[in-house]
Amino acid sequence: MTKLDLRKVYINGSRRPATLGVMRQQQNRSRKPVPLRTRRRRVQALMALGVFLALGAAGYAISYVSYLPQFNISTVTVAGTKDLPSRLIQAYIETLLNDGSNALFSKTTILSYGPTHLEKKTEQYFLRTKDVAVTRNSLLANAITVTVRERIPYATWCGSVGDCYLLDETGFLFAPVASTTPPIEPYVFYGGIQGNPLGQQYISAHFPGVVALLRLLGQAGFRAHAFTMVSDKDFTVSFVDGFSMRASFGQDASTLTQNLSLVMGAEPLKGKASKLEYVDLRFGDRVYYKFQGEVDTSTSSPRR
């Protein structure tokens, strides 16, 4: 066994022995003090790590809960359809809800399924739908009801190649007409549309006035069956009696109807509607008319 006499331990190679107190002082001097800034950074890093882990755990928990069946839309019911197959709308809604993406949080929860988005997309995809409403029966219900209001056909628009489409009372073209189906009465519209007619608005700026004119003409005893947009300014209305009326957009519908009644009741034209080709009311003070096979003739402006 070897003995070590601490009294004989020397300091820095000198012959002077070192004591334990002196040795501890030397060790303390060899350690450099940690700056305050560094210690703060270490604390901040530990705190940030703790917050990150806490947020990660919370996010995972929320993600897990968001995919639980009781919090997700599981049933889609369609109501109000007539010509549209309800199963087709149901399948489309289900496709929008379950697009196959694996998001961190479920997009089909009762809080995040987005009824307004579903309504807008359905109206854009199914042109026959005029209004779509997506609702739930209660706050926690995971079943939705899609209520559809379909467009009502008002008339038919036909192109130059014989392709025809249904339009509603606003002039919106929403569905093709089968070639075996006769045009919907009482009116057929022509011209005014370029390209694919589906989803287009027929002369949107003038259509309300056209509808009013056709209604007034019918009330006055003139059975119109076709409306043709000739240009940006002019149009013609064809009647069941065989003649047509030429007029311009912007003219008052009531005035046109009254003038046509006066002209058709005037002596040159009275009782001759079946032989008449057209009556032109575009020129205000002058009214032009033409019988079938004859040259253009004019008469003075209608007087009340």
C-alpha atoms as a PDB file:
ATOM      1  CA  MET A   1       0.000   0.000   0.000  1.00  0.00           C
ATOM      2  CA  THR A   2       1.294   3.453  -0.961  1.00  0.00           C
ATOM      3  CA  LYS A   3       0.714   6.495   1.158  1.00  0.00           C
ATOM      4  CA  LEU A   4       0.161  10.015  -0.094  1.00  0.00           C
ATOM      5  CA  ASP A   5       0.981  12.773   2.267  1.00  0.00           C
ATOM      6  CA  LEU A   6      -1.168  15.743   1.287  1.00  0.00           C
ATOM      7  CA  ARG A   7       1.118  17.946   3.256  1.00  0.00           C
ATOM      8  CA  LYS A   8       3.835  17.245   0.726  1.00  0.00           C
ATOM      9  CA  VAL A   9       1.822  18.097  -2.425  1.00  0.00           C
ATOM     10  CA  TYR A  10       3.577  20.980  -4.058  1.00  0.00           C
ATOM     11  CA  ILE A  11       2.108  24.015  -5.730  1.00  0.00           C
ATOM     12  CA  ASN A  12       3.152  24.716  -9.361  1.00  0.00           C
ATOM     13  CA  GLY A  13       6.256  22.595  -9.057  1.00  0.00           C
ATOM     14  CA  SER A  14       7.564  24.511  -6.070  1.00  0.00           C
ATOM     15  CA  ARG A  15       8.793  22.846  -2.984  1.00  0.00           C
ATOM     16  CA  ARG A  16       6.045  24.498  -0.934  1.00  0.00           C
ATOM     17  CA  PRO A  17       3.424  21.991   0.004  1.00  0.00           C
ATOM     18  CA  ALA A  18      -0.211  22.743  -0.868  1.00  0.00           C
ATOM     19  CA  THR A  19      -3.151  22.423   1.409  1.00  0.00           C
ATOM     20  CA  LEU A  20      -6.708  21.292   0.417  1.00  0.00           C
ATOM     21  CA  GLY A  21      -8.022  24.840   0.580  1.00  0.00           C
ATOM     22  CA  VAL A  22      -5.414  26.073  -1.836  1.00  0.00           C
ATOM     23  CA  MET A  23      -6.234  23.255  -4.251  1.00  0.00           C
ATOM     24  CA  ARG A  24      -9.935  24.124  -4.259  1.00  0.00           C
ATOM     25  CA  GLN A  25      -9.149  27.758  -4.981  1.00  0.00           C
ATOM     26  CA  GLN A  26      -7.054  26.728  -7.984  1.00  0.00           C
ATOM     27  CA  GLN A  27      -9.884  24.551  -9.340  1.00  0.00           C
ATOM     28  CA  ASN A  28     -12.408  27.365  -8.962  1.00  0.00           C
ATOM     29  CA  ARG A  29     -10.117  29.762 -10.825  1.00  0.00           C
ATOM     30  CA  SER A  30      -9.808  27.283 -13.751  1.00  0.00           C
ATOM     31  CA  ARG A  31     -13.606  27.309 -14.354  1.00  0.00           C
ATOM     32  CA  LYS A  32     -14.827  30.195 -16.563  1.00  0.00           C
ATOM     33  CA  PRO A  33     -18.116  31.782 -15.499  1.00  0.00           C
ATOM     34  CA  VAL A  34     -21.106  31.300 -17.951  1.00  0.00           C
ATOM     35  CA  PRO A  35     -22.303  34.654 -19.297  1.00  0.00           C
ATOM     36  CA  LEU A  36     -25.827  35.757 -18.344  1.00  0.00           C
ATOM     37  CA  ARG A  37     -26.866  36.054 -22.011  1.00  0.00           C
ATOM     38  CA  THR A  38     -25.913  32.454 -22.678  1.00  0.00           C
ATOM     39  CA  ARG A  39     -27.865  31.216 -19.691  1.00  0.00           C
ATOM     40  CA  ARG A  40     -30.925  33.156 -20.877  1.00  0.00           C
ATOM     41  CA  ARG A  41     -30.653  31.658 -24.337  1.00  0.00           C
ATOM     42  CA  ARG A  42     -30.532  28.175 -22.890  1.00  0.00           C
ATOM     43  CA  VAL A  43     -33.643  28.844 -20.829  1.00  0.00           C
ATOM     44  CA  GLN A  44     -35.458  30.307 -23.840  1.00  0.00           C
ATOM     45  CA  ALA A  45     -34.494  27.310 -25.983  1.00  0.00           C
ATOM     46  CA  LEU A  46     -35.825  24.924 -23.362  1.00  0.00           C
ATOM     47  CA  MET A  47     -39.032  26.903 -23.082  1.00  0.00           C
ATOM     48  CA  ALA A  48     -39.459  26.964 -26.891  1.00  0.00           C
ATOM     49  CA  LEU A  49     -38.912  23.235 -27.056  1.00  0.00           C
ATOM     50  CA  GLY A  50     -41.526  22.746 -24.373  1.00  0.00           C
ATOM     51  CA  VAL A  51     -44.036  24.937 -26.199  1.00  0.00           C
ATOM     52  CA  PHE A  52     -43.346  23.129 -29.482  1.00  0.00           C
ATOM     53  CA  LEU A  53     -43.905  19.747 -27.877  1.00  0.00           C
ATOM     54  CA  ALA A  54     -47.095  20.987 -26.217  1.00  0.00           C
ATOM     55  CA  LEU A  55     -48.433  22.386 -29.490  1.00  0.00           C
ATOM     56  CA  GLY A  56     -47.536  19.193 -31.312  1.00  0.00           C
ATOM     57  CA  ALA A  57     -49.371  17.111 -28.743  1.00  0.00           C
ATOM     58  CA  ALA A  58     -52.391  19.413 -28.886  1.00  0.00           C
ATOM     59  CA  GLY A  59     -52.412  19.357 -32.696  1.00  0.00           C
ATOM     60  CA  TYR A  60     -52.281  15.589 -32.757  1.00  0.00           C
ATOM     61  CA  ALA A  61     -55.130  15.391 -30.278  1.00  0.00           C
ATOM     62  CA  ILE A  62     -57.287  17.822 -32.286  1.00  0.00           C
ATOM     63  CA  SER A  63     -56.472  15.982 -35.521  1.00  0.00           C
ATOM     64  CA  TYR A  64     -57.498  12.692 -33.967  1.00  0.00           C
ATOM     65  CA  VAL A  65     -60.738  14.117 -32.610  1.00  0.00           C
ATOM     66  CA  SER A  66     -61.580  15.825 -35.928  1.00  0.00           C
ATOM     67  CA  TYR A  67     -61.699  12.439 -37.683  1.00  0.00           C
ATOM     68  CA  LEU A  68     -64.018  10.807 -35.157  1.00  0.00           C
ATOM     69  CA  PRO A  69     -67.248   9.681 -36.907  1.00  0.00           C
ATOM     70  CA  GLN A  70     -69.557  11.492 -34.495  1.00  0.00           C
ATOM     71  CA  PHE A  71     -68.067  14.859 -35.485  1.00  0.00           C
ATOM     72  CA  ASN A  72     -68.086  14.321 -39.274  1.00  0.00           C
ATOM     73  CA  ILE A  73     -70.834  14.578 -41.910  1.00  0.00           C
ATOM     74  CA  SER A  74     -71.919  11.009 -42.555  1.00  0.00           C
ATOM     75  CA  THR A  75     -75.301  11.313 -44.294  1.00  0.00           C
ATOM     76  CA  VAL A  76     -76.408  13.392 -47.301  1.00  0.00           C
ATOM     77  CA  THR A  77     -80.098  13.704 -48.170  1.00  0.00           C
ATOM     78  CA  VAL A  78     -81.389  15.512 -51.282  1.00  0.00           C
ATOM     79  CA  ALA A  79     -84.860  17.091 -51.446  1.00  0.00           C
ATOM     80  CA  GLY A  80     -86.842  19.171 -53.940  1.00  0.00           C
ATOM     81  CA  THR A  81     -85.621  17.614 -57.194  1.00  0.00           C
ATOM     82  CA  LYS A  82     -87.952  17.047 -60.123  1.00  0.00           C
ATOM     83  CA  ASP A  83     -86.038  16.475 -63.354  1.00  0.00           C
ATOM     84  CA  LEU A  84     -82.593  16.127 -61.767  1.00  0.00           C
ATOM     85  CA  PRO A  85     -81.821  12.688 -60.283  1.00  0.00           C
ATOM     86  CA  SER A  86     -81.411  13.168 -56.523  1.00  0.00           C
ATOM     87  CA  ARG A  87     -78.852  10.348 -56.385  1.00  0.00           C
ATOM     88  CA  LEU A  88     -76.655  12.248 -58.828  1.00  0.00           C
ATOM     89  CA  ILE A  89     -76.630  15.342 -56.621  1.00  0.00           C
ATOM     90  CA  GLN A  90     -76.004  13.214 -53.546  1.00  0.00           C
ATOM     91  CA  ALA A  91     -73.001  11.546 -55.187  1.00  0.00           C
ATOM     92  CA  TYR A  92     -71.612  14.943 -56.230  1.00  0.00           C
ATOM     93  CA  ILE A  93     -71.918  16.358 -52.693  1.00  0.00           C
ATOM     94  CA  GLU A  94     -70.252  13.268 -51.239  1.00  0.00           C
ATOM     95  CA  THR A  95     -67.398  13.691 -53.728  1.00  0.00           C
ATOM     96  CA  LEU A  96     -66.901  17.294 -52.647  1.00  0.00           C
ATOM     97  CA  LEU A  97     -66.864  16.259 -48.997  1.00  0.00           C
ATOM     98  CA  ASN A  98     -64.438  13.377 -49.496  1.00  0.00           C
ATOM     99  CA  ASP A  99     -61.916  14.490 -52.083  1.00  0.00           C
ATOM    100  CA  GLY A 100     -59.322  11.882 -51.047  1.00  0.00           C
ATOM    101  CA  SER A 101     -56.890  14.317 -49.437  1.00  0.00           C
ATOM    102  CA  ASN A 102     -55.253  13.415 -46.113  1.00  0.00           C
ATOM    103  CA  ALA A 103     -55.320  16.762 -44.395  1.00  0.00           C
ATOM    104  CA  LEU A 104     -54.090  17.237 -40.849  1.00  0.00           C
ATOM    105  CA  PHE A 105     -57.620  18.160 -39.801  1.00  0.00           C
ATOM    106  CA  SER A 106     -60.791  16.677 -41.282  1.00  0.00           C
ATOM    107  CA  LYS A 107     -62.599  18.915 -43.802  1.00  0.00           C
ATOM    108  CA  THR A 108     -65.949  17.261 -43.208  1.00  0.00           C
ATOM    109  CA  THR A 109     -66.546  18.039 -39.551  1.00  0.00           C
ATOM    110  CA  ILE A 110     -69.826  19.642 -38.554  1.00  0.00           C
ATOM    111  CA  LEU A 111     -67.913  22.929 -38.203  1.00  0.00           C
ATOM    112  CA  SER A 112     -65.698  22.806 -41.288  1.00  0.00           C
ATOM    113  CA  TYR A 113     -67.740  21.150 -44.078  1.00  0.00           C
ATOM    114  CA  GLY A 114     -68.561  24.534 -45.635  1.00  0.00           C
ATOM    115  CA  PRO A 115     -72.270  24.669 -46.604  1.00  0.00           C
ATOM    116  CA  THR A 116     -71.876  27.858 -48.665  1.00  0.00           C
ATOM    117  CA  HIS A 117     -69.078  26.276 -50.696  1.00  0.00           C
ATOM    118  CA  LEU A 118     -71.210  23.170 -51.339  1.00  0.00           C
ATOM    119  CA  GLU A 119     -74.169  25.303 -52.446  1.00  0.00           C
ATOM    120  CA  LYS A 120     -72.107  27.373 -54.872  1.00  0.00           C
ATOM    121  CA  LYS A 121     -70.310  24.398 -56.414  1.00  0.00           C
ATOM    122  CA  THR A 122     -73.571  22.480 -56.877  1.00  0.00           C
ATOM    123  CA  GLU A 123     -75.274  25.420 -58.594  1.00  0.00           C
ATOM    124  CA  GLN A 124     -72.314  25.831 -60.933  1.00  0.00           C
ATOM    125  CA  TYR A 125     -72.131  22.129 -61.791  1.00  0.00           C
ATOM    126  CA  PHE A 126     -75.868  21.501 -62.225  1.00  0.00           C
ATOM    127  CA  LEU A 127     -77.114  24.376 -64.384  1.00  0.00           C
ATOM    128  CA  ARG A 128     -80.696  23.228 -63.955  1.00  0.00           C
ATOM    129  CA  THR A 129     -80.530  24.199 -60.256  1.00  0.00           C
ATOM    130  CA  LYS A 130     -81.707  27.726 -59.534  1.00  0.00           C
ATOM    131  CA  ASP A 131     -81.127  27.634 -55.777  1.00  0.00           C
ATOM    132  CA  VAL A 132     -79.377  25.137 -53.485  1.00  0.00           C
ATOM    133  CA  ALA A 133     -79.533  25.213 -49.679  1.00  0.00           C
ATOM    134  CA  VAL A 134     -77.419  22.941 -47.436  1.00  0.00           C
ATOM    135  CA  THR A 135     -78.680  22.671 -43.861  1.00  0.00           C
ATOM    136  CA  ARG A 136     -78.460  20.551 -40.686  1.00  0.00           C
ATOM    137  CA  ASN A 137     -81.316  19.803 -38.316  1.00  0.00           C
ATOM    138  CA  SER A 138     -79.411  20.644 -35.133  1.00  0.00           C
ATOM    139  CA  LEU A 139     -76.103  21.998 -33.868  1.00  0.00           C
ATOM    140  CA  LEU A 140     -74.504  18.573 -33.400  1.00  0.00           C
ATOM    141  CA  ALA A 141     -76.243  16.731 -36.259  1.00  0.00           C
ATOM    142  CA  ASN A 142     -73.852  14.963 -38.635  1.00  0.00           C
ATOM    143  CA  ALA A 143     -76.434  14.633 -41.428  1.00  0.00           C
ATOM    144  CA  ILE A 144     -77.037  17.383 -43.999  1.00  0.00           C
ATOM    145  CA  THR A 145     -80.049  18.057 -46.223  1.00  0.00           C
ATOM    146  CA  VAL A 146     -79.517  19.493 -49.707  1.00  0.00           C
ATOM    147  CA  THR A 147     -82.682  21.297 -50.799  1.00  0.00           C
ATOM    148  CA  VAL A 148     -82.812  22.044 -54.526  1.00  0.00           C
ATOM    149  CA  ARG A 149     -85.045  24.440 -56.460  1.00  0.00           C
ATOM    150  CA  GLU A 150     -84.890  23.686 -60.169  1.00  0.00           C
ATOM    151  CA  ARG A 151     -85.259  26.186 -62.985  1.00  0.00           C
ATOM    152  CA  ILE A 152     -88.655  26.249 -64.683  1.00  0.00           C
ATOM    153  CA  PRO A 153     -88.501  26.222 -68.499  1.00  0.00           C
ATOM    154  CA  TYR A 154     -89.931  29.415 -69.969  1.00  0.00           C
ATOM    155  CA  ALA A 155     -89.131  28.942 -73.634  1.00  0.00           C
ATOM    156  CA  THR A 156     -86.639  27.406 -76.062  1.00  0.00           C
ATOM    157  CA  TRP A 157     -83.603  28.880 -77.754  1.00  0.00           C
ATOM    158  CA  CYS A 158     -82.497  27.310 -81.034  1.00  0.00           C
ATOM    159  CA  GLY A 159     -79.288  27.770 -82.968  1.00  0.00           C
ATOM    160  CA  SER A 160     -78.668  27.858 -86.675  1.00  0.00           C
ATOM    161  CA  VAL A 161     -77.885  24.139 -86.870  1.00  0.00           C
ATOM    162  CA  GLY A 162     -81.085  23.035 -85.151  1.00  0.00           C
ATOM    163  CA  ASP A 163     -79.657  22.579 -81.660  1.00  0.00           C
ATOM    164  CA  CYS A 164     -82.152  23.769 -79.053  1.00  0.00           C
ATOM    165  CA  TYR A 165     -81.877  24.547 -75.340  1.00  0.00           C
ATOM    166  CA  LEU A 166     -84.230  25.366 -72.506  1.00  0.00           C
ATOM    167  CA  LEU A 167     -84.138  28.814 -70.939  1.00  0.00           C
ATOM    168  CA  ASP A 168     -85.902  30.107 -67.839  1.00  0.00           C
ATOM    169  CA  GLU A 169     -87.788  33.352 -67.206  1.00  0.00           C
ATOM    170  CA  THR A 170     -84.482  35.207 -66.744  1.00  0.00           C
ATOM    171  CA  GLY A 171     -83.125  34.089 -70.128  1.00  0.00           C
ATOM    172  CA  PHE A 172     -80.596  31.647 -68.651  1.00  0.00           C
ATOM    173  CA  LEU A 173     -79.926  28.598 -70.873  1.00  0.00           C
ATOM    174  CA  PHE A 174     -79.624  25.543 -68.649  1.00  0.00           C
ATOM    175  CA  ALA A 175     -80.330  22.301 -70.533  1.00  0.00           C
ATOM    176  CA  PRO A 176     -80.290  20.908 -74.073  1.00  0.00           C
ATOM    177  CA  VAL A 177     -83.504  19.775 -75.701  1.00  0.00           C
ATOM    178  CA  ALA A 178     -83.517  16.332 -77.296  1.00  0.00           C
ATOM    179  CA  SER A 179     -83.971  16.360 -81.057  1.00  0.00           C
ATOM    180  CA  THR A 180     -87.126  14.251 -80.654  1.00  0.00           C
ATOM    181  CA  THR A 181     -88.696  16.761 -78.258  1.00  0.00           C
ATOM    182  CA  PRO A 182     -90.684  19.604 -79.823  1.00  0.00           C
ATOM    183  CA  PRO A 183     -89.720  23.143 -78.770  1.00  0.00           C
ATOM    184  CA  ILE A 184     -91.420  24.332 -75.615  1.00  0.00           C
ATOM    185  CA  GLU A 185     -94.252  26.704 -76.356  1.00  0.00           C
ATOM    186  CA  PRO A 186     -95.201  29.428 -76.479  1.00  0.00           C
ATOM    187  CA  TYR A 187     -91.929  30.970 -77.617  1.00  0.00           C
ATOM    188  CA  VAL A 188     -88.777  30.062 -79.498  1.00  0.00           C
ATOM    189  CA  PHE A 189     -85.827  32.458 -79.405  1.00  0.00           C
ATOM    190  CA  TYR A 190     -83.142  32.772 -82.082  1.00  0.00           C
ATOM    191  CA  GLY A 191     -79.792  34.556 -82.422  1.00  0.00           C
ATOM    192  CA  GLY A 192     -77.878  36.526 -79.839  1.00  0.00           C
ATOM    193  CA  ILE A 193     -75.550  33.748 -78.589  1.00  0.00           C
ATOM    194  CA  GLN A 194     -72.083  32.720 -79.723  1.00  0.00           C
ATOM    195  CA  GLY A 195     -70.224  29.553 -78.711  1.00  0.00           C
ATOM    196  CA  ASN A 196     -71.586  26.995 -76.275  1.00  0.00           C
ATOM    197  CA  PRO A 197     -75.082  28.173 -75.267  1.00  0.00           C
ATOM    198  CA  LEU A 198     -75.191  26.291 -71.943  1.00  0.00           C
ATOM    199  CA  GLY A 199     -74.817  28.631 -69.009  1.00  0.00           C
ATOM    200  CA  GLN A 200     -75.202  31.783 -71.104  1.00  0.00           C
ATOM    201  CA  GLN A 201     -77.708  34.571 -70.542  1.00  0.00           C
ATOM    202  CA  TYR A 202     -79.820  35.457 -73.561  1.00  0.00           C
ATOM    203  CA  ILE A 203     -79.634  39.236 -74.222  1.00  0.00           C
ATOM    204  CA  SER A 204     -79.459  39.852 -70.475  1.00  0.00           C
ATOM    205  CA  ALA A 205     -79.696  43.629 -70.790  1.00  0.00           C
ATOM    206  CA  HIS A 206     -82.983  43.476 -72.719  1.00  0.00           C
ATOM    207  CA  PHE A 207     -84.598  40.193 -71.725  1.00  0.00           C
ATOM    208  CA  PRO A 208     -86.955  41.583 -69.028  1.00  0.00           C
ATOM    209  CA  GLY A 209     -88.282  44.080 -71.596  1.00  0.00           C
ATOM    210  CA  VAL A 210     -88.702  41.293 -74.170  1.00  0.00           C
ATOM    211  CA  VAL A 211     -90.710  39.200 -71.695  1.00  0.00           C
ATOM    212  CA  ALA A 212     -92.918  42.209 -70.925  1.00  0.00           C
ATOM    213  CA  LEU A 213     -93.463  42.874 -74.644  1.00  0.00           C
ATOM    214  CA  LEU A 214     -94.457  39.281 -75.399  1.00  0.00           C
ATOM    215  CA  ARG A 215     -96.885  39.308 -72.486  1.00  0.00           C
ATOM    216  CA  LEU A 216     -98.511  42.570 -73.606  1.00  0.00           C
ATOM    217  CA  LEU A 217     -98.769  41.343 -77.187  1.00  0.00           C
ATOM    218  CA  GLY A 218    -100.543  38.215 -75.984  1.00  0.00           C
ATOM    219  CA  GLN A 219    -102.964  40.278 -73.901  1.00  0.00           C
ATOM    220  CA  ALA A 220    -103.719  42.379 -76.995  1.00  0.00           C
ATOM    221  CA  GLY A 221    -104.603  39.263 -78.998  1.00  0.00           C
ATOM    222  CA  PHE A 222    -101.342  38.847 -80.936  1.00  0.00           C
ATOM    223  CA  ARG A 223    -100.119  35.280 -80.553  1.00  0.00           C
ATOM    224  CA  ALA A 224     -96.333  35.489 -80.800  1.00  0.00           C
ATOM    225  CA  HIS A 225     -94.404  32.254 -81.276  1.00  0.00           C
ATOM    226  CA  ALA A 226     -90.832  33.351 -82.089  1.00  0.00           C
ATOM    227  CA  PHE A 227     -88.411  36.119 -81.195  1.00  0.00           C
ATOM    228  CA  THR A 228     -85.267  36.739 -83.263  1.00  0.00           C
ATOM    229  CA  MET A 229     -82.402  39.035 -82.362  1.00  0.00           C
ATOM    230  CA  VAL A 230     -81.373  40.508 -85.713  1.00  0.00           C
ATOM    231  CA  SER A 231     -78.616  42.807 -84.426  1.00  0.00           C
ATOM    232  CA  ASP A 232     -77.547  44.639 -81.303  1.00  0.00           C
ATOM    233  CA  LYS A 233     -80.275  47.189 -82.037  1.00  0.00           C
ATOM    234  CA  ASP A 234     -83.096  45.385 -83.820  1.00  0.00           C
ATOM    235  CA  PHE A 235     -85.289  42.313 -83.413  1.00  0.00           C
ATOM    236  CA  THR A 236     -88.356  40.695 -84.933  1.00  0.00           C
ATOM    237  CA  VAL A 237     -91.370  39.026 -83.349  1.00  0.00           C
ATOM    238  CA  SER A 238     -93.132  36.379 -85.440  1.00  0.00           C
ATOM    239  CA  PHE A 239     -96.841  35.667 -84.951  1.00  0.00           C
ATOM    240  CA  VAL A 240     -98.957  32.595 -85.446  1.00  0.00           C
ATOM    241  CA  ASP A 241    -101.000  34.528 -88.048  1.00  0.00           C
ATOM    242  CA  GLY A 242     -97.960  34.420 -90.343  1.00  0.00           C
ATOM    243  CA  PHE A 243     -96.590  37.964 -90.238  1.00  0.00           C
ATOM    244  CA  SER A 244     -93.835  39.507 -88.121  1.00  0.00           C
ATOM    245  CA  MET A 245     -93.202  42.772 -86.348  1.00  0.00           C
ATOM    246  CA  ARG A 246     -89.893  44.583 -86.671  1.00  0.00           C
ATOM    247  CA  ALA A 247     -88.801  46.768 -83.760  1.00  0.00           C
ATOM    248  CA  SER A 248     -85.770  48.070 -81.909  1.00  0.00           C
ATOM    249  CA  PHE A 249     -84.441  47.472 -78.403  1.00  0.00           C
ATOM    250  CA  GLY A 250     -85.207  50.361 -76.098  1.00  0.00           C
ATOM    251  CA  GLN A 251     -88.657  51.040 -77.492  1.00  0.00           C
ATOM    252  CA  ASP A 252     -91.419  51.008 -74.913  1.00  0.00           C
ATOM    253  CA  ALA A 253     -93.256  47.664 -74.843  1.00  0.00           C
ATOM    254  CA  SER A 254     -96.651  49.301 -74.230  1.00  0.00           C
ATOM    255  CA  THR A 255     -96.196  51.776 -77.036  1.00  0.00           C
ATOM    256  CA  LEU A 256     -95.162  49.048 -79.487  1.00  0.00           C
ATOM    257  CA  THR A 257     -98.224  46.979 -78.604  1.00  0.00           C
ATOM    258  CA  GLN A 258    -100.597  49.913 -78.968  1.00  0.00           C
ATOM    259  CA  ASN A 259     -99.058  50.966 -82.277  1.00  0.00           C
ATOM    260  CA  LEU A 260     -99.314  47.447 -83.664  1.00  0.00           C
ATOM    261  CA  SER A 261    -102.981  47.286 -82.644  1.00  0.00           C
ATOM    262  CA  LEU A 262    -103.677  50.593 -84.373  1.00  0.00           C
ATOM    263  CA  VAL A 263    -101.840  49.585 -87.542  1.00  0.00           C
ATOM    264  CA  MET A 264    -103.521  46.179 -87.771  1.00  0.00           C
ATOM    265  CA  GLY A 265    -106.897  47.857 -87.244  1.00  0.00           C
ATOM    266  CA  ALA A 266    -106.274  50.481 -89.947  1.00  0.00           C
ATOM    267  CA  GLU A 267    -108.096  50.159 -93.265  1.00  0.00           C
ATOM    268  CA  PRO A 268    -105.103  49.029 -95.418  1.00  0.00           C
ATOM    269  CA  LEU A 269    -104.339  46.059 -93.110  1.00  0.00           C
ATOM    270  CA  LYS A 270    -107.586  45.240 -91.355  1.00  0.00           C
ATOM    271  CA  GLY A 271    -108.452  41.550 -91.731  1.00  0.00           C
ATOM    272  CA  LYS A 272    -105.388  40.866 -93.887  1.00  0.00           C
ATOM    273  CA  ALA A 273    -102.977  39.450 -91.305  1.00  0.00           C
ATOM    274  CA  SER A 274    -102.638  36.130 -93.142  1.00  0.00           C
ATOM    275  CA  LYS A 275    -101.466  37.954 -96.303  1.00  0.00           C
ATOM    276  CA  LEU A 276     -99.092  40.281 -94.509  1.00  0.00           C
ATOM    277  CA  GLU A 277     -95.341  39.637 -94.416  1.00  0.00           C
ATOM    278  CA  TYR A 278     -94.220  42.195 -91.825  1.00  0.00           C
ATOM    279  CA  VAL A 279     -94.973  45.450 -90.058  1.00  0.00           C
ATOM    280  CA  ASP A 280     -91.949  47.668 -89.328  1.00  0.00           C
ATOM    281  CA  LEU A 281     -92.303  49.881 -86.249  1.00  0.00           C
ATOM    282  CA  ARG A 282     -88.679  50.963 -85.923  1.00  0.00           C
ATOM    283  CA  PHE A 283     -88.992  54.462 -87.355  1.00  0.00           C
ATOM    284  CA  GLY A 284     -91.293  56.278 -84.975  1.00  0.00           C
ATOM    285  CA  ASP A 285     -93.353  58.609 -87.181  1.00  0.00           C
ATOM    286  CA  ARG A 286     -93.438  56.230 -90.133  1.00  0.00           C
ATOM    287  CA  VAL A 287     -94.737  52.657 -90.181  1.00  0.00           C
ATOM    288  CA  TYR A 288     -93.714  50.349 -92.985  1.00  0.00           C
ATOM    289  CA  TYR A 289     -95.467  47.155 -93.974  1.00  0.00           C
ATOM    290  CA  LYS A 290     -95.260  44.613 -96.728  1.00  0.00           C
ATOM    291  CA  PHE A 291     -97.662  42.017 -98.081  1.00  0.00           C
ATOM    292  CA  GLN A 292     -96.349  38.702 -99.235  1.00  0.00           C
ATOM    293  CA  GLY A 293     -94.961  38.993-102.762  1.00  0.00           C
ATOM    294  CA  GLU A 294     -95.188  42.800-102.842  1.00  0.00           C
ATOM    295  CA  VAL A 295     -92.702  45.616-102.559  1.00  0.00           C
ATOM    296  CA  ASP A 296     -92.324  47.659 -99.373  1.00  0.00           C
ATOM    297  CA  THR A 297     -95.104  50.140 -98.680  1.00  0.00           C
ATOM    298  CA  SER A 298     -95.435  52.766 -95.987  1.00  0.00           C
ATOM    299  CA  THR A 299     -98.239  54.434 -94.135  1.00  0.00           C
ATOM    300  CA  SER A 300     -98.330  57.398 -91.766  1.00  0.00           C
ATOM    301  CA  SER A 301     -97.583  56.970 -88.095  1.00  0.00           C
ATOM    302  CA  PRO A 302    -100.378  55.487 -85.964  1.00  0.00           C
ATOM    303  CA  ARG A 303    -102.788  57.968 -84.427  1.00  0.00           C
ATOM    304  CA  ARG A 304    -104.783  57.319 -81.305  1.00  0.00           C
END
